[in-house]
């Protein structure tokens, strides 16, 4: 069995030390095969914030794939935003803004949905949609196919529609047809797993809350997701676990488990 830990919207610069320590403890306990950071790693893309984030990631003792969020691009320094928007990000997490991770159980394809000319709204281009679809088409039957974006590909509430990924309809249709199982995101600090409708095959949006930041929604604690897939699981089932921070125990606890059954018929299904 393989375990994927999704952490999003850490917003280093607004982190809570006790929550950081609890998340490190969870990672060391669960020993994920891959950690996915789905954007907004820092609060204001400052060098010190990226250094704090890098130090945190190194303590997780697991391979990490990351994408930038809108907060990981300079906001006030307009010249840096337009000319070198990912300079500080690259120093901490490398120049590859769309990394890919592959193992016998997992194929994780990351997509940079930020744009220097946008304040917070995300976008996926047709070229990016095509790239992801081509990579998905190479997956094996055994691999869980995961796409990672920052802004949500689907939302549950009307108030969040403004933050939905631009060009999401085309992305949903083409990625589902190419074999995607899960599309992970963050940005709105609200955890949920949502089955997407009107597609040629099953696909789910998996959203993570804010991992360690004080910038939580009212009534929504810090949270992360653990995904379990592979031979030790019930045949054909993927477990998506929501782990929330409990301030009483000062630890993360599993509060919800969603079982989904990815389709496995044909080459890319």
C-alpha atoms as a PDB file:
ATOM      1  CA  UNK A   1       0.000   0.000   0.000  1.00  0.00           C
ATOM      2  CA  UNK A   2       1.089   3.562  -0.704  1.00  0.00           C
ATOM      3  CA  UNK A   3       0.277   6.612   1.407  1.00  0.00           C
ATOM      4  CA  UNK A   4       0.072  10.165   0.072  1.00  0.00           C
ATOM      5  CA  UNK A   5      -0.012  13.114   2.469  1.00  0.00           C
ATOM      6  CA  UNK A   6      -1.568  16.294   1.072  1.00  0.00           C
ATOM      7  CA  UNK A   7      -0.673  19.542   2.843  1.00  0.00           C
ATOM      8  CA  UNK A   8      -1.962  22.853   1.533  1.00  0.00           C
ATOM      9  CA  UNK A   9      -1.980  26.552   2.358  1.00  0.00           C
ATOM     10  CA  UNK A  10       0.609  26.467   5.125  1.00  0.00           C
ATOM     11  CA  UNK A  11       1.096  30.242   4.709  1.00  0.00           C
ATOM     12  CA  UNK A  12       4.435  30.275   6.514  1.00  0.00           C
ATOM     13  CA  UNK A  13       4.655  33.647   8.204  1.00  0.00           C
ATOM     14  CA  UNK A  14       1.302  32.954   9.856  1.00  0.00           C
ATOM     15  CA  UNK A  15       2.096  29.434  11.087  1.00  0.00           C
ATOM     16  CA  UNK A  16       1.275  28.125  14.573  1.00  0.00           C
ATOM     17  CA  UNK A  17       4.246  26.403  16.190  1.00  0.00           C
ATOM     18  CA  UNK A  18       2.221  23.751  17.994  1.00  0.00           C
ATOM     19  CA  UNK A  19       0.341  22.855  14.811  1.00  0.00           C
ATOM     20  CA  UNK A  20       3.602  22.624  12.871  1.00  0.00           C
ATOM     21  CA  UNK A  21       5.005  20.244  15.476  1.00  0.00           C
ATOM     22  CA  UNK A  22       1.828  18.156  15.407  1.00  0.00           C
ATOM     23  CA  UNK A  23       1.970  17.880  11.618  1.00  0.00           C
ATOM     24  CA  UNK A  24       5.614  16.833  11.677  1.00  0.00           C
ATOM     25  CA  UNK A  25       4.693  14.184  14.252  1.00  0.00           C
ATOM     26  CA  UNK A  26       1.849  12.941  12.032  1.00  0.00           C
ATOM     27  CA  UNK A  27       4.157  12.634   9.029  1.00  0.00           C
ATOM     28  CA  UNK A  28       6.785  10.739  11.012  1.00  0.00           C
ATOM     29  CA  UNK A  29       4.094   8.425  12.359  1.00  0.00           C
ATOM     30  CA  UNK A  30       2.372   7.742   9.030  1.00  0.00           C
ATOM     31  CA  UNK A  31       5.565   7.651   6.917  1.00  0.00           C
ATOM     32  CA  UNK A  32       3.967   8.741   3.621  1.00  0.00           C
ATOM     33  CA  UNK A  33       5.497   7.627   0.363  1.00  0.00           C
ATOM     34  CA  UNK A  34       4.981  11.142  -1.034  1.00  0.00           C
ATOM     35  CA  UNK A  35       4.022  14.531   0.385  1.00  0.00           C
ATOM     36  CA  UNK A  36       2.092  16.903  -1.877  1.00  0.00           C
ATOM     37  CA  UNK A  37       2.217  20.641  -1.129  1.00  0.00           C
ATOM     38  CA  UNK A  38      -0.644  22.165  -3.089  1.00  0.00           C
ATOM     39  CA  UNK A  39       0.342  25.834  -2.959  1.00  0.00           C
ATOM     40  CA  UNK A  40       0.256  28.941  -0.778  1.00  0.00           C
ATOM     41  CA  UNK A  41       3.278  27.622   1.048  1.00  0.00           C
ATOM     42  CA  UNK A  42       4.144  31.116   2.282  1.00  0.00           C
ATOM     43  CA  UNK A  43       2.110  34.155   3.253  1.00  0.00           C
ATOM     44  CA  UNK A  44       4.003  36.808   1.272  1.00  0.00           C
ATOM     45  CA  UNK A  45       6.716  34.990  -0.723  1.00  0.00           C
ATOM     46  CA  UNK A  46       9.467  36.400   1.487  1.00  0.00           C
ATOM     47  CA  UNK A  47      12.880  34.688   1.683  1.00  0.00           C
ATOM     48  CA  UNK A  48      12.573  33.970   5.417  1.00  0.00           C
ATOM     49  CA  UNK A  49       9.126  32.440   4.940  1.00  0.00           C
ATOM     50  CA  UNK A  50      10.442  30.142   2.212  1.00  0.00           C
ATOM     51  CA  UNK A  51      13.339  29.139   4.459  1.00  0.00           C
ATOM     52  CA  UNK A  52      10.887  28.268   7.228  1.00  0.00           C
ATOM     53  CA  UNK A  53       8.833  26.244   4.777  1.00  0.00           C
ATOM     54  CA  UNK A  54      11.884  24.396   3.486  1.00  0.00           C
ATOM     55  CA  UNK A  55      12.971  23.562   7.028  1.00  0.00           C
ATOM     56  CA  UNK A  56       9.493  22.209   7.757  1.00  0.00           C
ATOM     57  CA  UNK A  57       9.497  20.068   4.612  1.00  0.00           C
ATOM     58  CA  UNK A  58      12.926  18.631   5.419  1.00  0.00           C
ATOM     59  CA  UNK A  59      11.620  17.477   8.804  1.00  0.00           C
ATOM     60  CA  UNK A  60       8.880  15.366   7.187  1.00  0.00           C
ATOM     61  CA  UNK A  61      11.442  12.770   6.051  1.00  0.00           C
ATOM     62  CA  UNK A  62       9.565  11.956   2.827  1.00  0.00           C
ATOM     63  CA  UNK A  63       9.807  12.855  -0.866  1.00  0.00           C
ATOM     64  CA  UNK A  64       7.948  16.088  -1.618  1.00  0.00           C
ATOM     65  CA  UNK A  65       6.348  17.528  -4.742  1.00  0.00           C
ATOM     66  CA  UNK A  66       5.171  21.121  -4.563  1.00  0.00           C
ATOM     67  CA  UNK A  67       3.467  23.779  -6.624  1.00  0.00           C
ATOM     68  CA  UNK A  68       3.284  27.515  -5.971  1.00  0.00           C
ATOM     69  CA  UNK A  69       0.094  29.234  -4.926  1.00  0.00           C
ATOM     70  CA  UNK A  70      -0.870  32.845  -5.505  1.00  0.00           C
ATOM     71  CA  UNK A  71       0.688  33.787  -2.141  1.00  0.00           C
ATOM     72  CA  UNK A  72       4.032  32.368  -3.298  1.00  0.00           C
ATOM     73  CA  UNK A  73       4.404  35.182  -5.833  1.00  0.00           C
ATOM     74  CA  UNK A  74       5.502  38.657  -4.610  1.00  0.00           C
ATOM     75  CA  UNK A  75       2.523  40.949  -4.069  1.00  0.00           C
ATOM     76  CA  UNK A  76       3.960  44.368  -3.216  1.00  0.00           C
ATOM     77  CA  UNK A  77       7.198  44.215  -5.258  1.00  0.00           C
ATOM     78  CA  UNK A  78       5.629  44.656  -8.693  1.00  0.00           C
ATOM     79  CA  UNK A  79       8.926  44.401 -10.602  1.00  0.00           C
ATOM     80  CA  UNK A  80       9.744  41.063  -8.959  1.00  0.00           C
ATOM     81  CA  UNK A  81       6.187  39.862  -9.525  1.00  0.00           C
ATOM     82  CA  UNK A  82       6.301  40.564 -13.259  1.00  0.00           C
ATOM     83  CA  UNK A  83       9.963  39.809 -14.044  1.00  0.00           C
ATOM     84  CA  UNK A  84      10.961  37.053 -11.562  1.00  0.00           C
ATOM     85  CA  UNK A  85       7.742  35.856  -9.907  1.00  0.00           C
ATOM     86  CA  UNK A  86       9.086  32.451  -8.860  1.00  0.00           C
ATOM     87  CA  UNK A  87      12.654  33.397  -7.915  1.00  0.00           C
ATOM     88  CA  UNK A  88      12.268  32.888  -4.168  1.00  0.00           C
ATOM     89  CA  UNK A  89      10.081  29.830  -4.640  1.00  0.00           C
ATOM     90  CA  UNK A  90      12.726  28.226  -6.882  1.00  0.00           C
ATOM     91  CA  UNK A  91      15.467  28.776  -4.290  1.00  0.00           C
ATOM     92  CA  UNK A  92      13.482  26.728  -1.784  1.00  0.00           C
ATOM     93  CA  UNK A  93      11.712  24.163  -3.953  1.00  0.00           C
ATOM     94  CA  UNK A  94      13.533  24.089  -7.278  1.00  0.00           C
ATOM     95  CA  UNK A  95      12.896  25.397 -10.758  1.00  0.00           C
ATOM     96  CA  UNK A  96      10.379  22.734 -11.749  1.00  0.00           C
ATOM     97  CA  UNK A  97       6.969  24.343 -11.186  1.00  0.00           C
ATOM     98  CA  UNK A  98       5.117  21.267 -12.460  1.00  0.00           C
ATOM     99  CA  UNK A  99       6.862  18.206 -11.024  1.00  0.00           C
ATOM    100  CA  UNK A 100       5.766  14.616 -11.608  1.00  0.00           C
ATOM    101  CA  UNK A 101       6.083  11.721  -9.172  1.00  0.00           C
ATOM    102  CA  UNK A 102       5.692   8.107 -10.239  1.00  0.00           C
ATOM    103  CA  UNK A 103       5.830   4.839  -8.309  1.00  0.00           C
ATOM    104  CA  UNK A 104       4.274   1.422  -8.776  1.00  0.00           C
ATOM    105  CA  UNK A 105       1.106   2.633  -6.986  1.00  0.00           C
ATOM    106  CA  UNK A 106       0.981   6.347  -7.771  1.00  0.00           C
ATOM    107  CA  UNK A 107       1.224   8.834 -10.607  1.00  0.00           C
ATOM    108  CA  UNK A 108       1.131  12.424  -9.345  1.00  0.00           C
ATOM    109  CA  UNK A 109       1.111  15.212 -11.942  1.00  0.00           C
ATOM    110  CA  UNK A 110       1.422  18.801 -10.719  1.00  0.00           C
ATOM    111  CA  UNK A 111       0.104  21.875 -12.541  1.00  0.00           C
ATOM    112  CA  UNK A 112       1.131  25.479 -11.925  1.00  0.00           C
ATOM    113  CA  UNK A 113      -2.175  27.363 -11.943  1.00  0.00           C
ATOM    114  CA  UNK A 114      -0.794  30.706 -10.756  1.00  0.00           C
ATOM    115  CA  UNK A 115      -0.316  33.652 -13.088  1.00  0.00           C
ATOM    116  CA  UNK A 116       1.869  36.655 -12.292  1.00  0.00           C
ATOM    117  CA  UNK A 117      -0.694  39.030 -13.798  1.00  0.00           C
ATOM    118  CA  UNK A 118      -3.509  37.727 -11.578  1.00  0.00           C
ATOM    119  CA  UNK A 119      -3.908  38.657  -7.921  1.00  0.00           C
ATOM    120  CA  UNK A 120      -5.391  35.375  -6.679  1.00  0.00           C
ATOM    121  CA  UNK A 121      -7.453  33.694  -9.381  1.00  0.00           C
ATOM    122  CA  UNK A 122      -5.940  30.593 -10.974  1.00  0.00           C
ATOM    123  CA  UNK A 123      -5.986  29.418 -14.549  1.00  0.00           C
ATOM    124  CA  UNK A 124      -5.089  26.292 -16.491  1.00  0.00           C
ATOM    125  CA  UNK A 125      -4.223  26.658 -20.165  1.00  0.00           C
ATOM    126  CA  UNK A 126      -5.123  24.263 -22.935  1.00  0.00           C
ATOM    127  CA  UNK A 127      -1.435  23.415 -23.307  1.00  0.00           C
ATOM    128  CA  UNK A 128      -1.320  22.442 -19.628  1.00  0.00           C
ATOM    129  CA  UNK A 129      -4.510  20.404 -19.959  1.00  0.00           C
ATOM    130  CA  UNK A 130      -3.003  18.544 -22.929  1.00  0.00           C
ATOM    131  CA  UNK A 131       0.295  17.921 -21.090  1.00  0.00           C
ATOM    132  CA  UNK A 132      -1.475  16.419 -18.102  1.00  0.00           C
ATOM    133  CA  UNK A 133      -3.715  14.275 -20.292  1.00  0.00           C
ATOM    134  CA  UNK A 134      -0.703  12.899 -22.149  1.00  0.00           C
ATOM    135  CA  UNK A 135       1.044  11.986 -18.897  1.00  0.00           C
ATOM    136  CA  UNK A 136      -2.115  10.365 -17.536  1.00  0.00           C
ATOM    137  CA  UNK A 137      -2.385   8.228 -20.644  1.00  0.00           C
ATOM    138  CA  UNK A 138       0.926   6.573 -19.731  1.00  0.00           C
ATOM    139  CA  UNK A 139      -0.317   5.355 -16.338  1.00  0.00           C
ATOM    140  CA  UNK A 140      -0.559   1.675 -15.489  1.00  0.00           C
ATOM    141  CA  UNK A 141      -3.662  -0.054 -14.145  1.00  0.00           C
ATOM    142  CA  UNK A 142      -2.037  -0.220 -10.702  1.00  0.00           C
ATOM    143  CA  UNK A 143      -1.337   3.503 -10.403  1.00  0.00           C
ATOM    144  CA  UNK A 144      -3.711   5.920  -8.718  1.00  0.00           C
ATOM    145  CA  UNK A 145      -3.696   8.948 -11.042  1.00  0.00           C
ATOM    146  CA  UNK A 146      -3.572  12.229  -9.124  1.00  0.00           C
ATOM    147  CA  UNK A 147      -3.509  15.747 -10.585  1.00  0.00           C
ATOM    148  CA  UNK A 148      -2.486  18.607  -8.283  1.00  0.00           C
ATOM    149  CA  UNK A 149      -3.623  22.201  -8.771  1.00  0.00           C
ATOM    150  CA  UNK A 150      -3.859  25.111  -6.334  1.00  0.00           C
ATOM    151  CA  UNK A 151      -7.260  26.679  -6.964  1.00  0.00           C
ATOM    152  CA  UNK A 152     -10.161  24.202  -6.714  1.00  0.00           C
ATOM    153  CA  UNK A 153     -11.344  22.413  -9.836  1.00  0.00           C
ATOM    154  CA  UNK A 154     -14.810  22.118  -8.251  1.00  0.00           C
ATOM    155  CA  UNK A 155     -16.528  23.863  -5.334  1.00  0.00           C
ATOM    156  CA  UNK A 156     -19.371  22.938  -2.994  1.00  0.00           C
ATOM    157  CA  UNK A 157     -20.703  26.395  -2.133  1.00  0.00           C
ATOM    158  CA  UNK A 158     -21.782  29.299  -4.339  1.00  0.00           C
ATOM    159  CA  UNK A 159     -19.625  31.712  -2.342  1.00  0.00           C
ATOM    160  CA  UNK A 160     -16.494  29.835  -3.485  1.00  0.00           C
ATOM    161  CA  UNK A 161     -17.332  29.914  -7.197  1.00  0.00           C
ATOM    162  CA  UNK A 162     -15.287  33.088  -7.673  1.00  0.00           C
ATOM    163  CA  UNK A 163     -12.182  31.155  -6.573  1.00  0.00           C
ATOM    164  CA  UNK A 164     -12.746  28.174  -8.876  1.00  0.00           C
ATOM    165  CA  UNK A 165      -9.978  27.391 -11.344  1.00  0.00           C
ATOM    166  CA  UNK A 166     -10.450  29.164 -14.681  1.00  0.00           C
ATOM    167  CA  UNK A 167     -10.992  26.705 -17.558  1.00  0.00           C
ATOM    168  CA  UNK A 168     -12.022  24.045 -15.034  1.00  0.00           C
ATOM    169  CA  UNK A 169     -14.723  22.538 -17.251  1.00  0.00           C
ATOM    170  CA  UNK A 170     -12.306  21.672 -20.055  1.00  0.00           C
ATOM    171  CA  UNK A 171      -9.786  20.351 -17.540  1.00  0.00           C
ATOM    172  CA  UNK A 172     -12.353  18.136 -15.822  1.00  0.00           C
ATOM    173  CA  UNK A 173     -13.551  16.581 -19.071  1.00  0.00           C
ATOM    174  CA  UNK A 174     -10.166  15.996 -20.668  1.00  0.00           C
ATOM    175  CA  UNK A 175      -8.425  14.747 -17.509  1.00  0.00           C
ATOM    176  CA  UNK A 176     -11.272  12.375 -16.676  1.00  0.00           C
ATOM    177  CA  UNK A 177     -11.183  10.977 -20.204  1.00  0.00           C
ATOM    178  CA  UNK A 178      -7.402  10.531 -19.923  1.00  0.00           C
ATOM    179  CA  UNK A 179      -7.726   8.534 -16.700  1.00  0.00           C
ATOM    180  CA  UNK A 180      -7.430  10.930 -13.746  1.00  0.00           C
ATOM    181  CA  UNK A 181      -8.847   9.662 -10.459  1.00  0.00           C
ATOM    182  CA  UNK A 182      -8.290  12.569  -8.061  1.00  0.00           C
ATOM    183  CA  UNK A 183      -7.704  16.287  -8.597  1.00  0.00           C
ATOM    184  CA  UNK A 184      -6.195  17.793  -5.447  1.00  0.00           C
ATOM    185  CA  UNK A 185      -6.360  21.463  -4.573  1.00  0.00           C
ATOM    186  CA  UNK A 186      -6.414  24.046  -1.818  1.00  0.00           C
ATOM    187  CA  UNK A 187      -6.722  27.844  -1.841  1.00  0.00           C
ATOM    188  CA  UNK A 188     -10.123  28.171  -0.118  1.00  0.00           C
ATOM    189  CA  UNK A 189      -9.101  26.556   3.212  1.00  0.00           C
ATOM    190  CA  UNK A 190     -12.035  24.149   3.141  1.00  0.00           C
ATOM    191  CA  UNK A 191     -11.534  20.353   3.179  1.00  0.00           C
ATOM    192  CA  UNK A 192     -13.876  18.084   1.214  1.00  0.00           C
ATOM    193  CA  UNK A 193     -14.030  15.241  -1.264  1.00  0.00           C
ATOM    194  CA  UNK A 194     -16.496  15.824  -4.085  1.00  0.00           C
ATOM    195  CA  UNK A 195     -17.552  13.405  -6.829  1.00  0.00           C
ATOM    196  CA  UNK A 196     -17.614  15.221 -10.175  1.00  0.00           C
ATOM    197  CA  UNK A 197     -20.610  14.684 -12.424  1.00  0.00           C
ATOM    198  CA  UNK A 198     -21.261  14.545 -16.181  1.00  0.00           C
ATOM    199  CA  UNK A 199     -17.872  13.002 -16.962  1.00  0.00           C
ATOM    200  CA  UNK A 200     -17.001   9.899 -18.981  1.00  0.00           C
ATOM    201  CA  UNK A 201     -15.595   8.165 -15.904  1.00  0.00           C
ATOM    202  CA  UNK A 202     -15.493   8.754 -12.138  1.00  0.00           C
ATOM    203  CA  UNK A 203     -13.223  11.525 -10.862  1.00  0.00           C
ATOM    204  CA  UNK A 204     -13.112  13.321  -7.501  1.00  0.00           C
ATOM    205  CA  UNK A 205     -12.028  16.756  -6.334  1.00  0.00           C
ATOM    206  CA  UNK A 206     -10.025  16.413  -3.106  1.00  0.00           C
ATOM    207  CA  UNK A 207      -9.565  19.685  -1.261  1.00  0.00           C
ATOM    208  CA  UNK A 208      -7.351  20.275   1.768  1.00  0.00           C
ATOM    209  CA  UNK A 209      -7.796  22.933   4.419  1.00  0.00           C
ATOM    210  CA  UNK A 210      -4.984  25.114   5.708  1.00  0.00           C
ATOM    211  CA  UNK A 211      -2.266  22.935   7.177  1.00  0.00           C
ATOM    212  CA  UNK A 212      -0.702  25.073   9.913  1.00  0.00           C
ATOM    213  CA  UNK A 213      -1.797  28.692   9.463  1.00  0.00           C
ATOM    214  CA  UNK A 214      -3.877  30.934  11.694  1.00  0.00           C
ATOM    215  CA  UNK A 215      -5.889  31.777   8.549  1.00  0.00           C
ATOM    216  CA  UNK A 216      -8.601  29.185   9.144  1.00  0.00           C
ATOM    217  CA  UNK A 217     -12.252  29.556   8.210  1.00  0.00           C
ATOM    218  CA  UNK A 218     -14.697  29.989  11.101  1.00  0.00           C
ATOM    219  CA  UNK A 219     -15.455  26.567  12.511  1.00  0.00           C
ATOM    220  CA  UNK A 220     -12.938  24.823  10.236  1.00  0.00           C
ATOM    221  CA  UNK A 221      -9.722  23.712  12.001  1.00  0.00           C
ATOM    222  CA  UNK A 222      -6.324  23.150  10.440  1.00  0.00           C
ATOM    223  CA  UNK A 223      -6.442  19.980   8.379  1.00  0.00           C
ATOM    224  CA  UNK A 224      -4.575  17.763   5.930  1.00  0.00           C
ATOM    225  CA  UNK A 225      -5.455  14.707   3.839  1.00  0.00           C
ATOM    226  CA  UNK A 226      -4.025  11.198   3.790  1.00  0.00           C
ATOM    227  CA  UNK A 227      -4.745   9.006   0.774  1.00  0.00           C
ATOM    228  CA  UNK A 228      -4.234   5.253   0.912  1.00  0.00           C
ATOM    229  CA  UNK A 229      -4.122   3.090  -2.192  1.00  0.00           C
ATOM    230  CA  UNK A 230      -2.650  -0.256  -3.160  1.00  0.00           C
ATOM    231  CA  UNK A 231      -2.586  -3.937  -2.395  1.00  0.00           C
ATOM    232  CA  UNK A 232      -3.201  -3.677   1.346  1.00  0.00           C
ATOM    233  CA  UNK A 233      -6.456  -1.815   0.719  1.00  0.00           C
ATOM    234  CA  UNK A 234      -9.772  -3.466  -0.135  1.00  0.00           C
ATOM    235  CA  UNK A 235      -9.669  -4.330  -3.811  1.00  0.00           C
ATOM    236  CA  UNK A 236     -10.287  -1.295  -5.987  1.00  0.00           C
ATOM    237  CA  UNK A 237     -10.936   1.123  -3.122  1.00  0.00           C
ATOM    238  CA  UNK A 238      -9.056   4.320  -2.369  1.00  0.00           C
ATOM    239  CA  UNK A 239      -9.299   5.718   1.168  1.00  0.00           C
ATOM    240  CA  UNK A 240      -9.252   9.519   1.529  1.00  0.00           C
ATOM    241  CA  UNK A 241      -8.806  10.529   5.153  1.00  0.00           C
ATOM    242  CA  UNK A 242      -9.341  14.019   6.550  1.00  0.00           C
ATOM    243  CA  UNK A 243      -7.119  14.714   9.560  1.00  0.00           C
ATOM    244  CA  UNK A 244      -7.984  17.774  11.649  1.00  0.00           C
ATOM    245  CA  UNK A 245      -5.901  19.448  14.321  1.00  0.00           C
ATOM    246  CA  UNK A 246      -7.360  18.955  17.801  1.00  0.00           C
ATOM    247  CA  UNK A 247      -6.364  21.779  20.144  1.00  0.00           C
ATOM    248  CA  UNK A 248      -7.151  19.705  23.239  1.00  0.00           C
ATOM    249  CA  UNK A 249      -4.740  16.886  22.427  1.00  0.00           C
ATOM    250  CA  UNK A 250      -2.395  19.153  20.411  1.00  0.00           C
ATOM    251  CA  UNK A 251      -2.384  16.526  17.665  1.00  0.00           C
ATOM    252  CA  UNK A 252      -3.958  15.716  14.317  1.00  0.00           C
ATOM    253  CA  UNK A 253      -6.784  13.161  14.398  1.00  0.00           C
ATOM    254  CA  UNK A 254      -8.630  11.369  11.622  1.00  0.00           C
ATOM    255  CA  UNK A 255     -12.170  12.768  11.545  1.00  0.00           C
ATOM    256  CA  UNK A 256     -13.520  11.453   8.254  1.00  0.00           C
ATOM    257  CA  UNK A 257     -12.785   8.616   5.835  1.00  0.00           C
ATOM    258  CA  UNK A 258     -14.187   8.663   2.311  1.00  0.00           C
ATOM    259  CA  UNK A 259     -13.922   5.507   0.208  1.00  0.00           C
ATOM    260  CA  UNK A 260     -13.964   5.923  -3.558  1.00  0.00           C
ATOM    261  CA  UNK A 261     -13.716   3.300  -6.289  1.00  0.00           C
ATOM    262  CA  UNK A 262     -11.628   4.538  -9.236  1.00  0.00           C
ATOM    263  CA  UNK A 263     -12.583   3.030 -12.583  1.00  0.00           C
ATOM    264  CA  UNK A 264     -10.164   0.481 -13.975  1.00  0.00           C
ATOM    265  CA  UNK A 265     -11.350  -0.570 -17.420  1.00  0.00           C
ATOM    266  CA  UNK A 266      -9.388  -0.050 -20.600  1.00  0.00           C
ATOM    267  CA  UNK A 267      -5.925   1.456 -21.011  1.00  0.00           C
ATOM    268  CA  UNK A 268      -6.615   4.907 -19.575  1.00  0.00           C
ATOM    269  CA  UNK A 269      -9.472   4.236 -17.203  1.00  0.00           C
END
